[in-house]
C-alpha atoms as a PDB file:
ATOM      1  CA  UNK A   1     115.121 127.033 121.849  1.00  0.00           C
ATOM      2  CA  UNK A   2     114.044 130.568 121.421  1.00  0.00           C
ATOM      3  CA  UNK A   3     116.077 131.709 117.682  1.00  0.00           C
ATOM      4  CA  UNK A   4     114.226 135.120 117.216  1.00  0.00           C
ATOM      5  CA  UNK A   5     112.133 136.638 119.671  1.00  0.00           C
ATOM      6  CA  UNK A   6     110.610 140.347 118.629  1.00  0.00           C
ATOM      7  CA  UNK A   7     108.806 142.656 120.954  1.00  0.00           C
ATOM      8  CA  UNK A   8     106.775 146.039 119.415  1.00  0.00           C
ATOM      9  CA  UNK A   9     106.248 149.097 122.053  1.00  0.00           C
ATOM     10  CA  UNK A  10     102.427 148.573 120.444  1.00  0.00           C
ATOM     11  CA  UNK A  11     101.802 145.590 122.464  1.00  0.00           C
ATOM     12  CA  UNK A  12     102.842 142.634 120.154  1.00  0.00           C
ATOM     13  CA  UNK A  13     105.123 140.093 120.237  1.00  0.00           C
ATOM     14  CA  UNK A  14     106.348 137.080 117.998  1.00  0.00           C
ATOM     15  CA  UNK A  15     108.858 134.481 118.551  1.00  0.00           C
ATOM     16  CA  UNK A  16     110.506 131.739 116.884  1.00  0.00           C
ATOM     17  CA  UNK A  17     111.174 128.701 118.447  1.00  0.00           C
ATOM     18  CA  UNK A  18     113.576 125.689 117.165  1.00  0.00           C
ATOM     19  CA  UNK A  19     112.809 121.960 118.784  1.00  0.00           C
ATOM     20  CA  UNK A  20     109.768 122.296 120.243  1.00  0.00           C
ATOM     21  CA  UNK A  21     108.159 120.435 123.336  1.00  0.00           C
ATOM     22  CA  UNK A  22     105.058 120.052 121.347  1.00  0.00           C
ATOM     23  CA  UNK A  23     106.750 117.534 118.888  1.00  0.00           C
ATOM     24  CA  UNK A  24     106.916 120.122 115.688  1.00  0.00           C
ATOM     25  CA  UNK A  25     110.953 120.921 114.819  1.00  0.00           C
ATOM     26  CA  UNK A  26     109.727 125.136 114.320  1.00  0.00           C
ATOM     27  CA  UNK A  27     106.990 127.324 115.932  1.00  0.00           C
ATOM     28  CA  UNK A  28     106.162 130.551 115.872  1.00  0.00           C
ATOM     29  CA  UNK A  29     104.135 132.403 118.629  1.00  0.00           C
ATOM     30  CA  UNK A  30     102.541 135.486 117.626  1.00  0.00           C
ATOM     31  CA  UNK A  31     100.610 137.819 119.862  1.00  0.00           C
ATOM     32  CA  UNK A  32      98.443 140.931 120.250  1.00  0.00           C
ATOM     33  CA  UNK A  33      98.033 141.884 124.053  1.00  0.00           C
ATOM     34  CA  UNK A  34      94.610 141.822 124.292  1.00  0.00           C
ATOM     35  CA  UNK A  35      93.231 140.734 121.352  1.00  0.00           C
ATOM     36  CA  UNK A  36      94.866 137.822 119.633  1.00  0.00           C
ATOM     37  CA  UNK A  37      97.243 134.688 120.730  1.00  0.00           C
ATOM     38  CA  UNK A  38      97.988 131.937 118.210  1.00  0.00           C
ATOM     39  CA  UNK A  39     101.123 129.200 117.541  1.00  0.00           C
ATOM     40  CA  UNK A  40     101.943 128.070 114.380  1.00  0.00           C
ATOM     41  CA  UNK A  41     104.516 124.829 113.318  1.00  0.00           C
ATOM     42  CA  UNK A  42     106.715 124.583 110.544  1.00  0.00           C
ATOM     43  CA  UNK A  43     108.572 121.653 109.602  1.00  0.00           C
ATOM     44  CA  UNK A  44     110.948 123.073 107.514  1.00  0.00           C
ATOM     45  CA  UNK A  45     112.726 126.407 108.169  1.00  0.00           C
ATOM     46  CA  UNK A  46     112.224 128.419 105.581  1.00  0.00           C
ATOM     47  CA  UNK A  47     108.235 127.775 105.568  1.00  0.00           C
ATOM     48  CA  UNK A  48     109.280 129.321 109.668  1.00  0.00           C
ATOM     49  CA  UNK A  49     111.134 132.544 108.135  1.00  0.00           C
ATOM     50  CA  UNK A  50     108.501 132.916 106.203  1.00  0.00           C
ATOM     51  CA  UNK A  51     105.603 132.574 108.892  1.00  0.00           C
ATOM     52  CA  UNK A  52     107.651 134.938 111.370  1.00  0.00           C
ATOM     53  CA  UNK A  53     107.507 137.104 108.884  1.00  0.00           C
ATOM     54  CA  UNK A  54     104.237 137.261 107.404  1.00  0.00           C
ATOM     55  CA  UNK A  55     103.063 136.974 110.806  1.00  0.00           C
ATOM     56  CA  UNK A  56     104.958 140.139 111.472  1.00  0.00           C
ATOM     57  CA  UNK A  57     103.685 141.988 108.657  1.00  0.00           C
ATOM     58  CA  UNK A  58      99.908 141.113 109.527  1.00  0.00           C
ATOM     59  CA  UNK A  59     100.124 142.560 112.846  1.00  0.00           C
ATOM     60  CA  UNK A  60     102.052 145.906 111.463  1.00  0.00           C
ATOM     61  CA  UNK A  61      98.943 146.003 109.122  1.00  0.00           C
ATOM     62  CA  UNK A  62      96.423 145.646 112.097  1.00  0.00           C
ATOM     63  CA  UNK A  63      98.507 148.510 113.759  1.00  0.00           C
ATOM     64  CA  UNK A  64      97.850 150.700 110.756  1.00  0.00           C
ATOM     65  CA  UNK A  65      94.360 150.171 110.499  1.00  0.00           C
ATOM     66  CA  UNK A  66      94.681 148.639 107.432  1.00  0.00           C
ATOM     67  CA  UNK A  67      93.177 144.919 108.352  1.00  0.00           C
ATOM     68  CA  UNK A  68      90.405 144.489 110.558  1.00  0.00           C
ATOM     69  CA  UNK A  69      90.410 142.069 113.684  1.00  0.00           C
ATOM     70  CA  UNK A  70      88.409 139.401 112.106  1.00  0.00           C
ATOM     71  CA  UNK A  71      90.352 139.580 109.131  1.00  0.00           C
ATOM     72  CA  UNK A  72      93.278 139.792 111.058  1.00  0.00           C
ATOM     73  CA  UNK A  73      92.161 136.269 112.930  1.00  0.00           C
ATOM     74  CA  UNK A  74      91.100 134.743 109.434  1.00  0.00           C
ATOM     75  CA  UNK A  75      94.339 135.242 108.016  1.00  0.00           C
ATOM     76  CA  UNK A  76      96.591 133.539 110.841  1.00  0.00           C
ATOM     77  CA  UNK A  77      93.926 130.348 110.861  1.00  0.00           C
ATOM     78  CA  UNK A  78      94.710 130.705 106.835  1.00  0.00           C
ATOM     79  CA  UNK A  79      98.327 130.020 107.958  1.00  0.00           C
ATOM     80  CA  UNK A  80      98.243 126.895 109.698  1.00  0.00           C
END
């Protein structure tokens, strides 16, 4: 079940789901079209909400040129 789904005009999307088919209570899928796509899993709702907000912040930093693609990918990898 999708709890939150936000798509930006800049070509990015972040979705928070509950009761995923992968066995995790929560999943956050996020991507920037043509650049990256990743999924983060959480067992706690609070952690899932924090990861959703952090994902949006990282994407905003990327589009404002405050973080490059390699750094963006490392940040998402560190969240796993």
